[in-house]
């Protein structure tokens, strides 16, 4: 009796293995390949979707989109992780036909084609509707708040901006009054210990702050709320406090599939990310359930 043994690694094969033999006929990775293959990446605005006549040949954006979608569905989010999968994962090797893009190429693709990737997600939802994979009669939506890299002090709503501007005007008026008293006094000092020079410095700081708020005011008037560091983030209630962040949703269709998205409104019923509209629109749009203020 002998053990079951594998092939000799040094053995030379007369006829090499075909890539098509790497995965089975019902492997889900074939759906990714077929889905991306029928997309119009030129209309979606993908970079390099149309080749230049000269220059170094780029990777086909369809291949990189296949890799990105595979990583998303299999929870491989980092670019270095996707780079490793392209060298060791048979499904990815089949999907990319042995291409091995490095992590920077993958990162650049995601950065340069953010809008195109969103468009591909919407197209995916529409395809699921055409294939009747989404019932759309009952869609349950819940969310969780994700903190953004934006300090609370750099987030402005109309009410907060008005309060800050009012506070600045009051401080400026107070400092100007103190400056007049300091100039009138013999020693050039105010009763509050600050000298005239110190008061002028305080006034200059407040004037600069006032100009900053005035520059933000048109954006607040247009959008209702503005975050300076992370423009897409918004102020969110967290039950016992608040944070500046995103409302990340999960929408589950009663028939089979689930979808995810993120947005800036704290209320699940009012957020309704674009992909979720497609899910709910597949049937009766009234057939939805959402948990208000999910955490």
C-alpha atoms as a PDB file:
ATOM      1  CA  UNK A   1       0.000   0.000   0.000  1.00  0.00           C
ATOM      2  CA  UNK A   2       1.197   3.513  -0.836  1.00  0.00           C
ATOM      3  CA  UNK A   3       0.130   7.027   0.000  1.00  0.00           C
ATOM      4  CA  UNK A   4      -1.751   9.113  -2.522  1.00  0.00           C
ATOM      5  CA  UNK A   5       0.932  11.278  -4.060  1.00  0.00           C
ATOM      6  CA  UNK A   6       0.911  14.434  -6.134  1.00  0.00           C
ATOM      7  CA  UNK A   7       2.769  15.205  -9.332  1.00  0.00           C
ATOM      8  CA  UNK A   8       6.522  15.539  -9.402  1.00  0.00           C
ATOM      9  CA  UNK A   9       7.305  19.268  -9.362  1.00  0.00           C
ATOM     10  CA  UNK A  10      10.281  18.729 -11.638  1.00  0.00           C
ATOM     11  CA  UNK A  11       8.354  16.732 -14.225  1.00  0.00           C
ATOM     12  CA  UNK A  12       8.102  18.418 -17.631  1.00  0.00           C
ATOM     13  CA  UNK A  13       4.666  18.169 -19.231  1.00  0.00           C
ATOM     14  CA  UNK A  14       4.422  17.703 -22.974  1.00  0.00           C
ATOM     15  CA  UNK A  15       1.030  19.416 -23.068  1.00  0.00           C
ATOM     16  CA  UNK A  16       0.602  22.206 -20.460  1.00  0.00           C
ATOM     17  CA  UNK A  17      -2.628  22.464 -18.491  1.00  0.00           C
ATOM     18  CA  UNK A  18      -5.350  24.729 -19.858  1.00  0.00           C
ATOM     19  CA  UNK A  19      -6.497  27.667 -17.716  1.00  0.00           C
ATOM     20  CA  UNK A  20     -10.082  26.638 -18.375  1.00  0.00           C
ATOM     21  CA  UNK A  21      -9.463  23.509 -16.300  1.00  0.00           C
ATOM     22  CA  UNK A  22      -8.563  25.541 -13.189  1.00  0.00           C
ATOM     23  CA  UNK A  23     -12.178  26.163 -12.127  1.00  0.00           C
ATOM     24  CA  UNK A  24     -15.476  24.339 -12.474  1.00  0.00           C
ATOM     25  CA  UNK A  25     -18.289  25.310 -14.857  1.00  0.00           C
ATOM     26  CA  UNK A  26     -20.507  26.591 -12.008  1.00  0.00           C
ATOM     27  CA  UNK A  27     -17.852  28.575 -10.162  1.00  0.00           C
ATOM     28  CA  UNK A  28     -19.213  32.076  -9.261  1.00  0.00           C
ATOM     29  CA  UNK A  29     -16.052  33.660 -10.643  1.00  0.00           C
ATOM     30  CA  UNK A  30     -17.406  32.951 -14.128  1.00  0.00           C
ATOM     31  CA  UNK A  31     -20.293  35.319 -13.396  1.00  0.00           C
ATOM     32  CA  UNK A  32     -17.832  38.122 -12.566  1.00  0.00           C
ATOM     33  CA  UNK A  33     -16.032  37.485 -15.839  1.00  0.00           C
ATOM     34  CA  UNK A  34     -19.246  37.517 -17.886  1.00  0.00           C
ATOM     35  CA  UNK A  35     -20.666  40.555 -16.086  1.00  0.00           C
ATOM     36  CA  UNK A  36     -17.571  42.726 -16.591  1.00  0.00           C
ATOM     37  CA  UNK A  37     -17.213  41.506 -20.173  1.00  0.00           C
ATOM     38  CA  UNK A  38     -20.548  43.037 -21.217  1.00  0.00           C
ATOM     39  CA  UNK A  39     -19.959  46.440 -19.568  1.00  0.00           C
ATOM     40  CA  UNK A  40     -19.309  49.557 -21.644  1.00  0.00           C
ATOM     41  CA  UNK A  41     -16.361  51.020 -19.746  1.00  0.00           C
ATOM     42  CA  UNK A  42     -16.004  53.913 -22.192  1.00  0.00           C
ATOM     43  CA  UNK A  43     -19.503  55.153 -21.336  1.00  0.00           C
ATOM     44  CA  UNK A  44     -18.797  54.582 -17.628  1.00  0.00           C
ATOM     45  CA  UNK A  45     -15.752  56.847 -17.854  1.00  0.00           C
ATOM     46  CA  UNK A  46     -12.986  54.368 -17.030  1.00  0.00           C
ATOM     47  CA  UNK A  47      -9.433  55.529 -17.621  1.00  0.00           C
ATOM     48  CA  UNK A  48      -7.661  53.679 -20.469  1.00  0.00           C
ATOM     49  CA  UNK A  49     -11.000  52.320 -21.724  1.00  0.00           C
ATOM     50  CA  UNK A  50      -9.869  53.715 -25.069  1.00  0.00           C
ATOM     51  CA  UNK A  51      -6.274  53.026 -26.069  1.00  0.00           C
ATOM     52  CA  UNK A  52      -3.889  55.743 -27.213  1.00  0.00           C
ATOM     53  CA  UNK A  53      -2.049  55.257 -30.479  1.00  0.00           C
ATOM     54  CA  UNK A  54       1.341  55.639 -28.790  1.00  0.00           C
ATOM     55  CA  UNK A  55       2.860  54.994 -25.383  1.00  0.00           C
ATOM     56  CA  UNK A  56       3.269  52.028 -23.084  1.00  0.00           C
ATOM     57  CA  UNK A  57       0.365  49.527 -23.177  1.00  0.00           C
ATOM     58  CA  UNK A  58      -1.747  49.736 -19.986  1.00  0.00           C
ATOM     59  CA  UNK A  59      -3.681  46.987 -18.260  1.00  0.00           C
ATOM     60  CA  UNK A  60      -7.172  46.487 -19.633  1.00  0.00           C
ATOM     61  CA  UNK A  61      -9.504  48.225 -17.108  1.00  0.00           C
ATOM     62  CA  UNK A  62     -11.892  45.277 -17.435  1.00  0.00           C
ATOM     63  CA  UNK A  63      -9.236  42.953 -16.003  1.00  0.00           C
ATOM     64  CA  UNK A  64      -8.577  45.284 -13.082  1.00  0.00           C
ATOM     65  CA  UNK A  65     -12.318  45.679 -12.497  1.00  0.00           C
ATOM     66  CA  UNK A  66     -12.655  41.879 -12.423  1.00  0.00           C
ATOM     67  CA  UNK A  67      -9.929  41.749  -9.770  1.00  0.00           C
ATOM     68  CA  UNK A  68     -11.532  44.535  -7.745  1.00  0.00           C
ATOM     69  CA  UNK A  69     -14.977  42.892  -7.786  1.00  0.00           C
ATOM     70  CA  UNK A  70     -13.497  39.524  -6.873  1.00  0.00           C
ATOM     71  CA  UNK A  71     -11.717  41.082  -3.905  1.00  0.00           C
ATOM     72  CA  UNK A  72     -14.888  42.859  -2.798  1.00  0.00           C
ATOM     73  CA  UNK A  73     -16.989  39.697  -2.915  1.00  0.00           C
ATOM     74  CA  UNK A  74     -14.308  37.679  -1.100  1.00  0.00           C
ATOM     75  CA  UNK A  75     -13.372  40.313   1.503  1.00  0.00           C
ATOM     76  CA  UNK A  76      -9.916  41.023   0.134  1.00  0.00           C
ATOM     77  CA  UNK A  77      -9.849  44.801   0.358  1.00  0.00           C
ATOM     78  CA  UNK A  78      -6.159  45.782   0.478  1.00  0.00           C
ATOM     79  CA  UNK A  79      -4.226  46.298  -2.749  1.00  0.00           C
ATOM     80  CA  UNK A  80      -1.325  44.190  -1.474  1.00  0.00           C
ATOM     81  CA  UNK A  81      -3.756  41.397  -0.652  1.00  0.00           C
ATOM     82  CA  UNK A  82      -5.148  41.504  -4.177  1.00  0.00           C
ATOM     83  CA  UNK A  83      -1.597  41.445  -5.542  1.00  0.00           C
ATOM     84  CA  UNK A  84      -0.905  38.245  -3.578  1.00  0.00           C
ATOM     85  CA  UNK A  85      -4.156  36.630  -4.732  1.00  0.00           C
ATOM     86  CA  UNK A  86      -3.141  37.158  -8.364  1.00  0.00           C
ATOM     87  CA  UNK A  87      -0.098  34.924  -7.810  1.00  0.00           C
ATOM     88  CA  UNK A  88      -1.547  32.098  -5.693  1.00  0.00           C
ATOM     89  CA  UNK A  89      -5.342  31.953  -6.090  1.00  0.00           C
ATOM     90  CA  UNK A  90      -6.414  29.725  -8.972  1.00  0.00           C
ATOM     91  CA  UNK A  91      -9.716  31.576  -9.371  1.00  0.00           C
ATOM     92  CA  UNK A  92      -7.902  34.905  -9.759  1.00  0.00           C
ATOM     93  CA  UNK A  93      -5.274  33.359 -12.038  1.00  0.00           C
ATOM     94  CA  UNK A  94      -8.108  32.121 -14.264  1.00  0.00           C
ATOM     95  CA  UNK A  95      -9.987  35.420 -14.034  1.00  0.00           C
ATOM     96  CA  UNK A  96      -6.960  37.527 -15.014  1.00  0.00           C
ATOM     97  CA  UNK A  97      -5.483  34.942 -17.409  1.00  0.00           C
ATOM     98  CA  UNK A  98      -2.205  34.868 -15.411  1.00  0.00           C
ATOM     99  CA  UNK A  99      -1.818  38.641 -15.286  1.00  0.00           C
ATOM    100  CA  UNK A 100      -0.084  39.866 -12.120  1.00  0.00           C
ATOM    101  CA  UNK A 101      -0.671  43.607 -11.552  1.00  0.00           C
ATOM    102  CA  UNK A 102       1.245  45.080  -8.624  1.00  0.00           C
ATOM    103  CA  UNK A 103      -0.406  46.807  -5.673  1.00  0.00           C
ATOM    104  CA  UNK A 104       0.275  50.332  -6.957  1.00  0.00           C
ATOM    105  CA  UNK A 105      -1.424  49.567 -10.274  1.00  0.00           C
ATOM    106  CA  UNK A 106      -4.477  48.297  -8.385  1.00  0.00           C
ATOM    107  CA  UNK A 107      -4.506  51.321  -6.057  1.00  0.00           C
ATOM    108  CA  UNK A 108      -4.217  53.744  -8.979  1.00  0.00           C
ATOM    109  CA  UNK A 109      -7.089  51.983 -10.739  1.00  0.00           C
ATOM    110  CA  UNK A 110      -9.375  52.395  -7.729  1.00  0.00           C
ATOM    111  CA  UNK A 111      -8.377  56.035  -7.271  1.00  0.00           C
ATOM    112  CA  UNK A 112      -8.725  57.013 -10.939  1.00  0.00           C
ATOM    113  CA  UNK A 113     -12.022  55.192 -11.559  1.00  0.00           C
ATOM    114  CA  UNK A 114     -14.083  55.778  -8.420  1.00  0.00           C
ATOM    115  CA  UNK A 115     -17.109  57.040 -10.358  1.00  0.00           C
ATOM    116  CA  UNK A 116     -16.828  54.255 -12.923  1.00  0.00           C
ATOM    117  CA  UNK A 117     -16.766  51.601 -10.192  1.00  0.00           C
ATOM    118  CA  UNK A 118     -19.960  53.102  -8.723  1.00  0.00           C
ATOM    119  CA  UNK A 119     -21.560  52.957 -12.160  1.00  0.00           C
ATOM    120  CA  UNK A 120     -20.556  49.291 -12.438  1.00  0.00           C
ATOM    121  CA  UNK A 121     -22.260  48.648  -9.100  1.00  0.00           C
ATOM    122  CA  UNK A 122     -25.491  50.183 -10.359  1.00  0.00           C
ATOM    123  CA  UNK A 123     -25.260  48.091 -13.531  1.00  0.00           C
ATOM    124  CA  UNK A 124     -24.802  44.991 -11.370  1.00  0.00           C
ATOM    125  CA  UNK A 125     -28.058  45.767  -9.545  1.00  0.00           C
ATOM    126  CA  UNK A 126     -29.915  46.267 -12.833  1.00  0.00           C
ATOM    127  CA  UNK A 127     -28.563  42.966 -14.145  1.00  0.00           C
ATOM    128  CA  UNK A 128     -29.793  41.162 -11.041  1.00  0.00           C
ATOM    129  CA  UNK A 129     -33.219  42.677 -11.642  1.00  0.00           C
ATOM    130  CA  UNK A 130     -33.257  41.488 -15.258  1.00  0.00           C
ATOM    131  CA  UNK A 131     -32.299  37.987 -14.131  1.00  0.00           C
ATOM    132  CA  UNK A 132     -35.022  38.160 -11.444  1.00  0.00           C
ATOM    133  CA  UNK A 133     -32.497  37.557  -8.676  1.00  0.00           C
ATOM    134  CA  UNK A 134     -34.063  40.397  -6.683  1.00  0.00           C
ATOM    135  CA  UNK A 135     -37.692  40.225  -5.652  1.00  0.00           C
ATOM    136  CA  UNK A 136     -37.972  43.842  -4.537  1.00  0.00           C
ATOM    137  CA  UNK A 137     -41.217  43.111  -2.683  1.00  0.00           C
ATOM    138  CA  UNK A 138     -39.569  43.259   0.739  1.00  0.00           C
ATOM    139  CA  UNK A 139     -36.224  44.948   1.359  1.00  0.00           C
ATOM    140  CA  UNK A 140     -34.851  45.313   4.896  1.00  0.00           C
ATOM    141  CA  UNK A 141     -32.342  48.127   5.459  1.00  0.00           C
ATOM    142  CA  UNK A 142     -30.133  48.740   8.489  1.00  0.00           C
ATOM    143  CA  UNK A 143     -26.971  50.724   9.015  1.00  0.00           C
ATOM    144  CA  UNK A 144     -24.000  51.498  11.204  1.00  0.00           C
ATOM    145  CA  UNK A 145     -22.140  54.763  11.698  1.00  0.00           C
ATOM    146  CA  UNK A 146     -18.491  54.902  10.592  1.00  0.00           C
ATOM    147  CA  UNK A 147     -16.289  57.710  11.924  1.00  0.00           C
ATOM    148  CA  UNK A 148     -14.573  59.854   9.273  1.00  0.00           C
ATOM    149  CA  UNK A 149     -11.190  61.567   9.411  1.00  0.00           C
ATOM    150  CA  UNK A 150     -12.778  64.951  10.049  1.00  0.00           C
ATOM    151  CA  UNK A 151     -12.663  66.809  13.378  1.00  0.00           C
ATOM    152  CA  UNK A 152     -15.926  68.221  14.744  1.00  0.00           C
ATOM    153  CA  UNK A 153     -14.402  71.681  14.639  1.00  0.00           C
ATOM    154  CA  UNK A 154     -14.055  71.427  10.858  1.00  0.00           C
ATOM    155  CA  UNK A 155     -17.697  70.565  10.269  1.00  0.00           C
ATOM    156  CA  UNK A 156     -20.175  73.413   9.748  1.00  0.00           C
ATOM    157  CA  UNK A 157     -23.949  73.438   9.583  1.00  0.00           C
ATOM    158  CA  UNK A 158     -26.035  76.546   9.019  1.00  0.00           C
ATOM    159  CA  UNK A 159     -26.950  76.764  12.718  1.00  0.00           C
ATOM    160  CA  UNK A 160     -23.369  76.232  13.924  1.00  0.00           C
ATOM    161  CA  UNK A 161     -21.980  78.742  11.435  1.00  0.00           C
ATOM    162  CA  UNK A 162     -24.495  81.380  12.539  1.00  0.00           C
ATOM    163  CA  UNK A 163     -23.641  80.746  16.212  1.00  0.00           C
ATOM    164  CA  UNK A 164     -19.898  81.015  15.544  1.00  0.00           C
ATOM    165  CA  UNK A 165     -20.303  84.223  13.561  1.00  0.00           C
ATOM    166  CA  UNK A 166     -22.421  85.741  16.333  1.00  0.00           C
ATOM    167  CA  UNK A 167     -19.852  84.714  18.951  1.00  0.00           C
ATOM    168  CA  UNK A 168     -17.037  86.242  16.877  1.00  0.00           C
ATOM    169  CA  UNK A 169     -18.904  89.537  16.498  1.00  0.00           C
ATOM    170  CA  UNK A 170     -19.464  89.719  20.256  1.00  0.00           C
ATOM    171  CA  UNK A 171     -15.799  89.006  20.990  1.00  0.00           C
ATOM    172  CA  UNK A 172     -14.647  91.550  18.417  1.00  0.00           C
ATOM    173  CA  UNK A 173     -16.931  94.210  19.894  1.00  0.00           C
ATOM    174  CA  UNK A 174     -15.655  93.425  23.386  1.00  0.00           C
ATOM    175  CA  UNK A 175     -11.982  93.552  22.379  1.00  0.00           C
ATOM    176  CA  UNK A 176     -12.466  96.783  20.426  1.00  0.00           C
ATOM    177  CA  UNK A 177     -14.105  98.385  23.459  1.00  0.00           C
ATOM    178  CA  UNK A 178     -11.219  97.234  25.649  1.00  0.00           C
ATOM    179  CA  UNK A 179      -8.733  98.569  23.097  1.00  0.00           C
ATOM    180  CA  UNK A 180     -10.395 101.990  23.228  1.00  0.00           C
ATOM    181  CA  UNK A 181     -10.132 101.955  27.024  1.00  0.00           C
ATOM    182  CA  UNK A 182      -6.484 100.857  26.852  1.00  0.00           C
ATOM    183  CA  UNK A 183      -5.626 103.643  24.382  1.00  0.00           C
ATOM    184  CA  UNK A 184      -7.373 106.189  26.590  1.00  0.00           C
ATOM    185  CA  UNK A 185      -5.567 105.103  29.770  1.00  0.00           C
ATOM    186  CA  UNK A 186      -2.240 106.663  30.648  1.00  0.00           C
ATOM    187  CA  UNK A 187      -0.352 103.369  30.894  1.00  0.00           C
ATOM    188  CA  UNK A 188      -1.820 101.986  27.673  1.00  0.00           C
ATOM    189  CA  UNK A 189      -3.251  98.999  29.575  1.00  0.00           C
ATOM    190  CA  UNK A 190      -6.868  97.872  29.997  1.00  0.00           C
ATOM    191  CA  UNK A 191      -8.359  97.003  33.389  1.00  0.00           C
ATOM    192  CA  UNK A 192      -8.424  93.341  32.249  1.00  0.00           C
ATOM    193  CA  UNK A 193      -4.594  93.082  32.218  1.00  0.00           C
ATOM    194  CA  UNK A 194      -4.278  92.855  28.386  1.00  0.00           C
ATOM    195  CA  UNK A 195      -2.087  95.506  26.842  1.00  0.00           C
ATOM    196  CA  UNK A 196      -3.053  97.423  23.697  1.00  0.00           C
ATOM    197  CA  UNK A 197      -0.614  95.302  21.652  1.00  0.00           C
ATOM    198  CA  UNK A 198      -2.113  92.072  22.993  1.00  0.00           C
ATOM    199  CA  UNK A 199      -5.631  93.280  22.227  1.00  0.00           C
ATOM    200  CA  UNK A 200      -4.634  94.155  18.647  1.00  0.00           C
ATOM    201  CA  UNK A 201      -3.213  90.629  18.246  1.00  0.00           C
ATOM    202  CA  UNK A 202      -6.458  89.099  19.537  1.00  0.00           C
ATOM    203  CA  UNK A 203      -8.497  91.264  17.172  1.00  0.00           C
ATOM    204  CA  UNK A 204      -6.320  90.232  14.205  1.00  0.00           C
ATOM    205  CA  UNK A 205      -6.857  86.554  15.064  1.00  0.00           C
ATOM    206  CA  UNK A 206     -10.619  87.023  15.268  1.00  0.00           C
ATOM    207  CA  UNK A 207     -10.677  88.930  11.972  1.00  0.00           C
ATOM    208  CA  UNK A 208      -8.823  86.039  10.301  1.00  0.00           C
ATOM    209  CA  UNK A 209     -11.263  83.539  11.792  1.00  0.00           C
ATOM    210  CA  UNK A 210     -14.150  85.690  10.572  1.00  0.00           C
ATOM    211  CA  UNK A 211     -12.787  85.595   7.018  1.00  0.00           C
ATOM    212  CA  UNK A 212     -12.514  81.789   7.195  1.00  0.00           C
ATOM    213  CA  UNK A 213     -16.148  81.483   8.247  1.00  0.00           C
ATOM    214  CA  UNK A 214     -17.253  83.880   5.517  1.00  0.00           C
ATOM    215  CA  UNK A 215     -15.442  81.732   2.943  1.00  0.00           C
ATOM    216  CA  UNK A 216     -17.324  78.617   4.153  1.00  0.00           C
ATOM    217  CA  UNK A 217     -20.730  80.345   4.279  1.00  0.00           C
ATOM    218  CA  UNK A 218     -21.614  79.962   0.542  1.00  0.00           C
ATOM    219  CA  UNK A 219     -20.916  76.202   0.658  1.00  0.00           C
ATOM    220  CA  UNK A 220     -23.047  75.800   3.807  1.00  0.00           C
ATOM    221  CA  UNK A 221     -25.862  77.766   2.186  1.00  0.00           C
ATOM    222  CA  UNK A 222     -25.710  75.522  -0.890  1.00  0.00           C
ATOM    223  CA  UNK A 223     -25.245  72.105   0.785  1.00  0.00           C
ATOM    224  CA  UNK A 224     -26.681  72.636   4.261  1.00  0.00           C
ATOM    225  CA  UNK A 225     -23.584  71.138   5.892  1.00  0.00           C
ATOM    226  CA  UNK A 226     -19.881  71.189   5.029  1.00  0.00           C
ATOM    227  CA  UNK A 227     -16.927  69.095   6.252  1.00  0.00           C
ATOM    228  CA  UNK A 228     -13.589  70.627   5.328  1.00  0.00           C
ATOM    229  CA  UNK A 229     -11.264  67.614   5.717  1.00  0.00           C
ATOM    230  CA  UNK A 230     -13.560  64.847   4.437  1.00  0.00           C
ATOM    231  CA  UNK A 231     -16.132  66.607   2.215  1.00  0.00           C
ATOM    232  CA  UNK A 232     -18.525  63.636   1.974  1.00  0.00           C
ATOM    233  CA  UNK A 233     -18.852  63.113   5.749  1.00  0.00           C
ATOM    234  CA  UNK A 234     -21.660  64.569   7.857  1.00  0.00           C
ATOM    235  CA  UNK A 235     -22.538  65.048  11.535  1.00  0.00           C
ATOM    236  CA  UNK A 236     -24.232  61.891  12.833  1.00  0.00           C
ATOM    237  CA  UNK A 237     -26.082  61.189  16.065  1.00  0.00           C
ATOM    238  CA  UNK A 238     -24.592  58.267  18.013  1.00  0.00           C
ATOM    239  CA  UNK A 239     -27.172  57.898  20.753  1.00  0.00           C
ATOM    240  CA  UNK A 240     -25.126  59.412  23.600  1.00  0.00           C
ATOM    241  CA  UNK A 241     -23.307  61.884  21.435  1.00  0.00           C
ATOM    242  CA  UNK A 242     -22.401  62.636  17.857  1.00  0.00           C
ATOM    243  CA  UNK A 243     -19.585  62.104  15.408  1.00  0.00           C
ATOM    244  CA  UNK A 244     -18.558  63.182  11.934  1.00  0.00           C
ATOM    245  CA  UNK A 245     -18.801  60.182   9.653  1.00  0.00           C
ATOM    246  CA  UNK A 246     -20.804  58.028   7.253  1.00  0.00           C
ATOM    247  CA  UNK A 247     -23.951  55.946   7.452  1.00  0.00           C
ATOM    248  CA  UNK A 248     -23.025  52.521   5.983  1.00  0.00           C
ATOM    249  CA  UNK A 249     -26.085  50.519   4.975  1.00  0.00           C
ATOM    250  CA  UNK A 250     -26.855  46.878   4.322  1.00  0.00           C
ATOM    251  CA  UNK A 251     -30.006  46.182   2.293  1.00  0.00           C
ATOM    252  CA  UNK A 252     -31.226  42.578   2.193  1.00  0.00           C
ATOM    253  CA  UNK A 253     -33.723  41.464  -0.412  1.00  0.00           C
ATOM    254  CA  UNK A 254     -36.237  38.898   0.809  1.00  0.00           C
ATOM    255  CA  UNK A 255     -35.734  36.663  -2.225  1.00  0.00           C
ATOM    256  CA  UNK A 256     -32.009  36.033  -2.325  1.00  0.00           C
ATOM    257  CA  UNK A 257     -29.395  38.742  -2.470  1.00  0.00           C
ATOM    258  CA  UNK A 258     -27.976  41.569  -0.366  1.00  0.00           C
ATOM    259  CA  UNK A 259     -26.437  44.879  -1.273  1.00  0.00           C
ATOM    260  CA  UNK A 260     -24.356  47.479   0.554  1.00  0.00           C
ATOM    261  CA  UNK A 261     -23.714  51.177   0.253  1.00  0.00           C
ATOM    262  CA  UNK A 262     -22.760  54.265   2.191  1.00  0.00           C
ATOM    263  CA  UNK A 263     -24.080  57.782   2.416  1.00  0.00           C
ATOM    264  CA  UNK A 264     -24.161  60.930   4.482  1.00  0.00           C
ATOM    265  CA  UNK A 265     -27.664  61.019   5.969  1.00  0.00           C
ATOM    266  CA  UNK A 266     -28.087  59.601   9.495  1.00  0.00           C
ATOM    267  CA  UNK A 267     -31.632  58.325   8.827  1.00  0.00           C
ATOM    268  CA  UNK A 268     -31.891  54.979   6.986  1.00  0.00           C
ATOM    269  CA  UNK A 269     -35.262  55.882   5.483  1.00  0.00           C
ATOM    270  CA  UNK A 270     -33.936  59.094   3.948  1.00  0.00           C
ATOM    271  CA  UNK A 271     -30.473  57.856   2.922  1.00  0.00           C
ATOM    272  CA  UNK A 272     -31.459  55.057   0.501  1.00  0.00           C
ATOM    273  CA  UNK A 273     -28.161  54.624  -1.352  1.00  0.00           C
ATOM    274  CA  UNK A 274     -28.319  54.382  -5.187  1.00  0.00           C
ATOM    275  CA  UNK A 275     -27.809  50.628  -5.217  1.00  0.00           C
ATOM    276  CA  UNK A 276     -30.629  50.182  -2.724  1.00  0.00           C
ATOM    277  CA  UNK A 277     -33.015  52.201  -4.864  1.00  0.00           C
ATOM    278  CA  UNK A 278     -32.381  49.658  -7.590  1.00  0.00           C
ATOM    279  CA  UNK A 279     -33.158  46.802  -5.208  1.00  0.00           C
ATOM    280  CA  UNK A 280     -36.359  48.355  -3.912  1.00  0.00           C
ATOM    281  CA  UNK A 281     -37.426  49.390  -7.388  1.00  0.00           C
ATOM    282  CA  UNK A 282     -37.429  45.803  -8.633  1.00  0.00           C
ATOM    283  CA  UNK A 283     -40.948  45.290  -7.341  1.00  0.00           C
ATOM    284  CA  UNK A 284     -43.247  47.183  -5.039  1.00  0.00           C
ATOM    285  CA  UNK A 285     -41.310  50.248  -3.817  1.00  0.00           C
ATOM    286  CA  UNK A 286     -43.479  50.435  -0.744  1.00  0.00           C
ATOM    287  CA  UNK A 287     -42.388  47.015   0.409  1.00  0.00           C
ATOM    288  CA  UNK A 288     -39.411  48.072   2.531  1.00  0.00           C
ATOM    289  CA  UNK A 289     -38.433  47.990   6.186  1.00  0.00           C
ATOM    290  CA  UNK A 290     -35.827  50.274   7.719  1.00  0.00           C
ATOM    291  CA  UNK A 291     -34.574  50.793  11.242  1.00  0.00           C
ATOM    292  CA  UNK A 292     -34.314  54.493  12.054  1.00  0.00           C
ATOM    293  CA  UNK A 293     -30.927  55.579  13.352  1.00  0.00           C
ATOM    294  CA  UNK A 294     -29.291  52.154  13.153  1.00  0.00           C
ATOM    295  CA  UNK A 295     -25.968  51.782  14.949  1.00  0.00           C
END
